Protein backbone atom coordinates (compact mmCIF):
# COMPACT_ATOMS: atom_id res chain seq x y z
CA MET A 1 14.06 10.98 -3.06
CA ILE A 2 11.86 11.11 -6.15
CA ILE A 3 13.25 12.18 -9.52
CA VAL A 4 10.45 13.30 -11.83
CA MET A 5 11.46 13.13 -15.48
CA GLU A 6 10.31 15.55 -18.17
CA HIS A 7 7.33 14.43 -20.27
CA ASP A 8 9.59 14.10 -23.31
CA ALA A 9 12.62 12.61 -21.52
CA ASN A 10 14.22 9.99 -23.75
CA LEU A 11 15.50 6.54 -22.81
CA GLU A 12 19.12 7.70 -22.76
CA GLN A 13 18.33 10.42 -20.20
CA ILE A 14 16.33 8.00 -18.04
CA ASN A 15 19.13 5.41 -18.11
CA HIS A 16 21.68 8.10 -17.23
CA VAL A 17 19.67 9.07 -14.13
CA ILE A 18 19.34 5.40 -13.10
CA LYS A 19 23.09 4.84 -13.50
CA LYS A 20 23.96 7.90 -11.44
CA ILE A 21 21.56 6.89 -8.67
CA GLU A 22 23.30 3.53 -8.47
CA ASP A 23 26.76 5.14 -8.69
CA PHE A 24 25.85 7.07 -5.53
CA GLY A 25 25.11 3.75 -3.79
CA TYR A 26 21.30 4.05 -3.95
CA LYS A 27 18.76 1.62 -5.36
CA SER A 28 16.65 2.91 -8.23
CA HIS A 29 12.94 2.17 -8.54
CA VAL A 30 11.40 3.14 -11.86
CA ILE A 31 7.67 3.84 -12.15
CA LYS A 32 6.50 4.49 -15.70
CA GLY A 33 3.23 6.38 -15.78
CA VAL A 34 1.04 7.24 -18.74
CA GLU A 35 2.46 10.75 -19.06
CA GLN A 36 5.86 10.65 -17.39
CA THR A 37 8.45 8.51 -15.66
CA VAL A 38 9.25 8.79 -11.96
CA ILE A 39 12.40 7.28 -10.45
CA GLY A 40 12.82 6.64 -6.75
CA ALA A 41 16.30 6.75 -5.21
CA ILE A 42 16.31 4.72 -2.00
CA GLY A 43 19.26 4.16 0.33
CA ASP A 44 21.59 5.72 2.89
CA GLU A 45 20.66 9.40 2.94
CA ARG A 46 24.00 10.81 4.08
CA ASP A 47 24.83 11.83 0.49
CA LYS A 48 21.32 12.92 -0.41
CA MET A 49 22.12 16.62 -0.90
CA GLU A 50 24.96 15.85 -3.31
CA LEU A 51 22.72 13.47 -5.24
CA LYS A 52 19.84 15.97 -5.19
CA ASN A 53 22.04 18.75 -6.57
CA TYR A 54 23.37 16.50 -9.31
CA MET A 55 19.91 15.34 -10.33
CA GLU A 56 18.45 18.84 -10.43
CA SER A 57 20.95 19.75 -13.15
CA SER A 58 20.68 16.52 -15.14
CA PRO A 59 19.16 16.57 -18.65
CA GLY A 60 15.58 15.34 -18.81
CA VAL A 61 14.88 15.89 -15.09
CA SER A 62 11.82 18.00 -14.30
CA ASN A 63 11.88 17.99 -10.50
CA VAL A 64 13.54 16.35 -7.49
CA ILE A 65 11.42 15.79 -4.38
CA GLU A 66 12.52 14.45 -1.02
CA ILE A 67 10.44 11.60 0.40
CA LEU A 68 9.46 12.62 3.92
CA LYS A 69 8.06 9.29 5.12
CA PRO A 70 10.52 6.77 6.61
CA TYR A 71 8.78 4.02 4.59
CA LYS A 72 9.91 5.23 1.19
CA LEU A 73 8.75 2.41 -1.09
CA ALA A 74 5.49 1.78 0.76
CA SER A 75 4.57 5.46 0.77
CA LYS A 76 2.15 7.15 -1.60
CA GLU A 77 4.78 9.85 -2.05
CA LEU A 78 6.65 7.58 -4.46
CA HIS A 79 3.80 5.46 -5.82
CA LYS A 80 0.52 7.38 -6.05
CA GLU A 81 -1.43 4.81 -8.06
CA LYS A 82 -3.03 1.90 -6.19
CA MET A 83 -1.08 -1.34 -6.34
CA VAL A 84 -3.05 -4.10 -8.06
CA ILE A 85 -1.58 -7.58 -7.61
CA ASP A 86 -2.56 -10.32 -10.04
CA VAL A 87 -2.60 -13.80 -8.49
CA ASN A 88 -3.58 -16.30 -11.19
CA GLY A 89 -6.24 -13.93 -12.49
CA VAL A 90 -7.45 -12.71 -9.08
CA LYS A 91 -6.87 -8.94 -8.98
CA ILE A 92 -6.03 -7.81 -5.44
CA GLY A 93 -6.23 -4.08 -4.71
CA GLY A 94 -8.43 -3.02 -7.61
CA SER A 95 -12.19 -3.06 -8.13
CA GLN A 96 -12.43 -6.74 -7.22
CA PHE A 97 -13.13 -7.43 -3.54
CA VAL A 98 -11.11 -10.51 -2.65
CA VAL A 99 -11.93 -13.05 0.05
CA MET A 100 -9.36 -15.56 1.29
CA ALA A 101 -11.01 -18.37 3.24
CA GLY A 102 -10.17 -21.73 4.72
CA PRO A 103 -9.11 -23.48 7.92
CA CYS A 104 -6.53 -22.27 10.40
CA SER A 105 -4.65 -25.56 9.99
CA VAL A 106 -4.47 -28.16 7.25
CA GLU A 107 -5.45 -31.39 8.98
CA SER A 108 -6.10 -33.95 6.23
CA SER A 109 -6.72 -34.26 2.50
CA GLU A 110 -10.46 -34.68 3.06
CA GLN A 111 -10.71 -31.64 5.34
CA ILE A 112 -8.81 -29.19 3.11
CA VAL A 113 -10.39 -30.30 -0.18
CA GLU A 114 -13.89 -30.28 1.33
CA THR A 115 -13.32 -26.78 2.69
CA ALA A 116 -11.77 -25.53 -0.55
CA ARG A 117 -14.78 -26.66 -2.56
CA ALA A 118 -17.19 -25.09 -0.06
CA VAL A 119 -15.50 -21.67 0.06
CA LYS A 120 -15.16 -21.56 -3.73
CA GLU A 121 -18.85 -22.32 -4.15
CA ALA A 122 -19.65 -19.51 -1.71
CA GLY A 123 -17.59 -17.00 -3.71
CA ALA A 124 -14.12 -16.96 -2.12
CA GLN A 125 -11.31 -16.51 -4.64
CA ILE A 126 -8.30 -17.71 -2.60
CA LEU A 127 -7.82 -20.66 -0.23
CA ARG A 128 -6.05 -20.11 3.08
CA GLY A 129 -4.62 -22.84 5.29
CA GLY A 130 -1.75 -23.26 7.69
CA ALA A 131 0.95 -25.89 7.16
CA TYR A 132 3.36 -24.34 9.67
CA LYS A 133 1.62 -23.08 12.79
CA PRO A 134 3.11 -20.65 15.36
CA ARG A 135 1.43 -21.63 18.61
CA THR A 136 1.65 -20.11 22.08
CA SER A 137 2.20 -23.55 23.63
CA PRO A 138 5.02 -25.81 22.38
CA TYR A 139 2.69 -28.76 23.02
CA ALA A 140 -0.07 -27.52 20.73
CA PHE A 141 -0.46 -28.76 17.14
CA GLN A 142 2.37 -27.21 15.09
CA GLY A 143 1.10 -28.05 11.61
CA MET A 144 1.72 -30.78 9.05
CA GLU A 145 4.63 -28.87 7.49
CA GLU A 146 5.57 -30.03 3.96
CA GLU A 147 2.82 -32.64 3.94
CA GLY A 148 0.39 -29.81 4.66
CA LEU A 149 1.80 -27.84 1.73
CA GLN A 150 1.27 -30.85 -0.51
CA LEU A 151 -2.34 -31.11 0.63
CA LEU A 152 -2.89 -27.42 -0.09
CA ALA A 153 -1.53 -27.98 -3.58
CA GLU A 154 -3.93 -30.92 -3.92
CA ALA A 155 -6.84 -28.66 -2.95
CA ARG A 156 -5.69 -26.08 -5.50
CA ASP A 157 -5.63 -28.75 -8.20
CA ALA A 158 -9.14 -29.84 -7.21
CA THR A 159 -10.67 -26.34 -7.21
CA GLY A 160 -8.39 -23.96 -9.12
CA LEU A 161 -8.15 -21.66 -6.08
CA PRO A 162 -4.74 -20.03 -5.50
CA ILE A 163 -3.37 -20.73 -2.01
CA VAL A 164 -1.95 -18.52 0.74
CA THR A 165 -0.02 -20.04 3.63
CA GLU A 166 2.36 -18.88 6.33
CA VAL A 167 6.15 -18.84 6.33
CA MET A 168 7.70 -18.89 9.81
CA ASN A 169 11.39 -19.41 9.20
CA PRO A 170 13.88 -18.08 6.61
CA ARG A 171 15.11 -21.65 6.10
CA GLU A 172 11.62 -22.71 4.96
CA ALA A 173 10.91 -19.74 2.68
CA ASP A 174 11.98 -21.41 -0.57
CA LEU A 175 10.14 -24.62 0.32
CA VAL A 176 6.86 -22.80 1.01
CA ALA A 177 7.32 -20.69 -2.13
CA ARG A 178 7.46 -23.86 -4.24
CA TYR A 179 3.87 -24.63 -3.22
CA ALA A 180 2.16 -21.35 -2.31
CA ASP A 181 0.84 -18.61 -4.59
CA ILE A 182 0.98 -16.05 -1.76
CA LEU A 183 3.36 -16.17 1.21
CA GLN A 184 1.93 -15.05 4.55
CA ILE A 185 3.92 -13.46 7.34
CA GLY A 186 2.00 -13.84 10.58
CA ALA A 187 1.57 -11.33 13.38
CA ARG A 188 4.31 -12.88 15.51
CA ASN A 189 6.87 -12.47 12.71
CA VAL A 190 5.98 -8.98 11.54
CA GLN A 191 9.30 -7.67 12.90
CA ASN A 192 11.38 -10.76 12.20
CA PHE A 193 13.63 -8.74 9.92
CA SER A 194 15.77 -11.68 8.78
CA LEU A 195 12.61 -13.40 7.56
CA LEU A 196 11.26 -10.23 5.94
CA LYS A 197 14.50 -9.69 4.03
CA GLU A 198 14.57 -13.32 2.88
CA ILE A 199 11.03 -13.34 1.52
CA GLY A 200 11.64 -9.95 -0.08
CA LYS A 201 13.90 -11.80 -2.52
CA ILE A 202 11.13 -14.23 -3.54
CA PRO A 203 9.06 -13.09 -6.56
CA LYS A 204 5.65 -13.95 -5.09
CA PRO A 205 3.06 -11.73 -3.36
CA ILE A 206 3.48 -11.36 0.40
CA PHE A 207 0.53 -11.21 2.81
CA LEU A 208 1.82 -9.26 5.82
CA LYS A 209 -0.18 -9.31 9.03
CA ARG A 210 0.04 -6.52 11.58
CA GLY A 211 1.55 -7.53 14.91
CA MET A 212 -0.38 -7.59 18.16
CA MET A 213 1.46 -4.51 19.44
CA THR A 214 2.67 -2.99 16.17
CA THR A 215 2.03 0.66 15.36
CA ILE A 216 0.99 1.69 11.85
CA LYS A 217 4.45 3.17 11.29
CA GLU A 218 6.16 -0.04 12.44
CA PHE A 219 3.80 -2.07 10.26
CA LEU A 220 4.70 -0.05 7.17
CA MET A 221 8.39 -0.22 8.01
CA SER A 222 8.06 -4.02 8.01
CA ALA A 223 6.56 -3.78 4.54
CA GLU A 224 9.50 -1.57 3.63
CA TYR A 225 11.94 -4.33 4.64
CA ILE A 226 10.28 -6.67 2.14
CA MET A 227 10.04 -4.08 -0.62
CA SER A 228 13.64 -2.92 -0.19
CA GLU A 229 14.78 -6.41 -1.22
CA GLY A 230 12.97 -6.09 -4.54
CA ASN A 231 9.49 -7.52 -3.91
CA LYS A 232 6.93 -4.73 -4.30
CA GLU A 233 3.83 -6.96 -4.12
CA VAL A 234 2.90 -6.65 -0.46
CA ILE A 235 -0.64 -7.02 0.91
CA LEU A 236 -1.26 -5.53 4.35
CA CYS A 237 -3.63 -7.19 6.83
CA GLU A 238 -5.15 -5.71 9.98
CA ARG A 239 -5.96 -8.60 12.35
CA GLY A 240 -6.55 -6.92 15.67
CA ILE A 241 -4.16 -5.53 18.25
CA ARG A 242 -3.68 -6.34 21.92
CA THR A 243 -5.39 -3.95 24.35
CA PHE A 244 -6.75 -4.17 27.90
CA GLU A 245 -10.05 -5.56 26.56
CA THR A 246 -10.74 -9.26 27.20
CA ALA A 247 -14.22 -9.61 25.67
CA THR A 248 -12.63 -10.43 22.31
CA ARG A 249 -9.43 -12.23 21.37
CA ASN A 250 -7.93 -8.99 20.07
CA THR A 251 -9.24 -5.49 19.39
CA LEU A 252 -9.96 -4.91 15.71
CA ASP A 253 -8.53 -1.51 14.75
CA ILE A 254 -11.03 -0.48 12.08
CA SER A 255 -9.41 2.96 11.87
CA ALA A 256 -6.23 1.30 10.59
CA ILE A 257 -7.95 0.74 7.24
CA PRO A 258 -8.46 4.40 6.24
CA VAL A 259 -5.15 5.37 7.85
CA LEU A 260 -3.28 2.80 5.77
CA LYS A 261 -5.24 3.82 2.68
CA ALA A 262 -4.07 7.39 3.19
CA GLU A 263 -0.44 6.41 3.77
CA THR A 264 0.24 3.68 1.22
CA HIS A 265 -0.69 2.39 -2.22
CA LEU A 266 -0.61 -1.23 -1.02
CA PRO A 267 -3.81 -3.33 -0.74
CA VAL A 268 -5.35 -3.53 2.75
CA PHE A 269 -7.14 -6.62 4.08
CA VAL A 270 -8.82 -7.43 7.38
CA ASP A 271 -8.90 -10.73 9.29
CA PRO A 272 -12.05 -10.51 11.45
CA SER A 273 -11.62 -14.12 12.64
CA HIS A 274 -8.38 -13.48 14.53
CA ALA A 275 -9.48 -9.99 15.48
CA THR A 276 -12.54 -11.16 17.39
CA GLY A 277 -11.82 -14.80 18.22
CA TYR A 278 -15.51 -15.75 18.01
CA TRP A 279 -17.37 -16.88 14.89
CA HIS A 280 -20.57 -15.00 15.79
CA LEU A 281 -18.70 -11.67 15.67
CA VAL A 282 -17.08 -12.26 12.28
CA GLU A 283 -20.04 -11.16 10.14
CA THR A 284 -20.45 -7.77 11.82
CA MET A 285 -16.74 -6.98 11.68
CA ALA A 286 -16.52 -8.16 8.07
CA LYS A 287 -19.28 -5.72 7.10
CA ALA A 288 -17.56 -2.92 9.03
CA SER A 289 -14.29 -3.68 7.24
CA VAL A 290 -15.94 -3.44 3.83
CA ALA A 291 -17.54 -0.12 4.80
CA ALA A 292 -14.20 1.22 6.04
CA GLY A 293 -12.61 0.62 2.64
CA ALA A 294 -10.81 -2.71 2.90
CA ASP A 295 -9.75 -4.42 -0.33
CA GLY A 296 -10.51 -7.88 1.00
CA LEU A 297 -10.99 -10.24 3.92
CA MET A 298 -9.30 -13.33 5.32
CA ILE A 299 -11.83 -15.57 7.06
CA GLU A 300 -11.41 -18.90 8.81
CA VAL A 301 -13.77 -21.65 7.65
CA HIS A 302 -13.85 -25.24 8.87
CA PRO A 303 -16.41 -27.98 8.07
CA ARG A 304 -16.39 -29.16 11.71
CA PRO A 305 -15.08 -26.38 13.98
CA ALA A 306 -15.61 -28.44 17.15
CA GLU A 307 -13.03 -30.92 15.83
CA ALA A 308 -10.54 -28.32 14.56
CA TYR A 309 -6.92 -28.72 15.65
CA SER A 310 -6.68 -24.95 16.14
CA ASP A 311 -8.91 -21.85 16.27
CA GLY A 312 -12.21 -23.74 16.14
CA PRO A 313 -14.20 -21.11 18.11
CA GLN A 314 -13.51 -18.42 15.51
CA SER A 315 -14.15 -20.58 12.43
CA LEU A 316 -17.34 -20.38 10.39
CA LYS A 317 -19.05 -23.51 9.12
CA PRO A 318 -19.45 -23.56 5.32
CA LYS A 319 -23.19 -22.72 5.46
CA LYS A 320 -22.57 -19.69 7.67
CA PHE A 321 -19.73 -18.61 5.40
CA LYS A 322 -22.02 -18.86 2.38
CA LYS A 323 -24.59 -16.67 4.15
CA LEU A 324 -21.87 -14.17 5.08
CA MET A 325 -20.75 -13.91 1.46
CA ASP A 326 -24.33 -13.35 0.31
CA ASP A 327 -24.88 -10.71 2.99
CA LEU A 328 -21.65 -8.91 2.07
CA ARG A 329 -22.53 -8.41 -1.59
CA PRO A 330 -24.66 -5.24 -1.09
CA TYR A 331 -21.93 -3.69 1.09
CA ILE A 332 -19.27 -4.50 -1.49
CA LYS A 333 -21.40 -3.05 -4.29
CA LEU A 334 -22.02 0.11 -2.25
CA GLU A 335 -18.23 0.59 -2.05
CA GLY A 336 -17.96 0.38 -5.84
CA LYS A 337 -16.41 -3.09 -5.87
CA HIS A 338 -17.45 -6.57 -6.94
CA LEU A 339 -16.63 -10.13 -5.90
C-alpha cells in the first residue's frame, strides 16, 4: 500500500510510519517528492487491513491507498515520476536517448576495442558485449568468461564507454559486477528467480530482457523480484517474442513499448537485432521503436560479421551502424529527445 504523508509532516512522523511498517513485517520504500513524501509498504498482505487502519490514524498521514497491481515497486501507482538512471554520466530514462552497441560475443582484444571505438564515434553511449553466452547448442561458443570481462574493461579504458554484459548464474554475479557498469539478464533467465534475487542485492543497474514467451505481467513481476531485494534501477528491454512466424528470428512486439510506459516508471529499451535476426531489418525496427516511445536501443555491431562467433547475420558493420545513428537523429528529435 501507499502511505501519503501530509505536506508539513515532520521527520519524526515519517520515521514513526517507517518503523511501524517494518514492525508489521513489511518493507518500507520512501519516495521524497518536491511537495510531499510517499512511503510504500510492500510485503505479505495478510495483515494489510490492520496496517491500513493503523496508518490512517497516524499523525502526519494524509491518505492510505492500496496498490492494485501485483508488481508493486515497478508500478506507476507507487512511483509516478519516470526513473532516470545515471551510468557514469549517461542518463537512461530521461531526455537522453541512449544506444548500447557492440558485438554479441567478445572474441579478442582487437575485436572489442575496434568495435568500441567505432560505436562511440557513431554516437553510442554504452558498449555491449557478451562474456558469458547462453547458447541453444552445448557445442556452440560459450564465451570467454572472465577473460572476456577483462577485455570489456580494456575497451572501456580505451574509449570511456560504460559496459553492459550478461550474468547467467548466481555464482558469477559478483564476478561480473566487479567489471560491468550494467548487469544484463537475458531472455532465457527472465524467470530464473534465484538469479533475479541475487542480482537484486547488487547496487548496479540491471538490464532485464523480456523472455521469448513472457507476458507483460510476467515481465514486470520479474522486475519486481529484482526491486524487492533493494535494487530499484531496472531497465526493461523488449527483444521480440516467439510466435508462429518464421520470417524473422522473433516477432518484435512494438506495442509492448507504450504498454510498459503506461504501467511502469522504469526505462524501456528495444533490441531490434535479436527481434528480427537480420541486419537489414534493424534500421526499420529501430526507427519504429523510437516512434513508439522507447528510451533507447541495444544494437549488435561487429567489424566482420561473417567471422563472428555468434549472431553474425543480425550484426551491423560499423559503417552501417554509423548511417543508422545519423538516420535516427530526426526521429529522436521528433520525440523530444537527444543523443
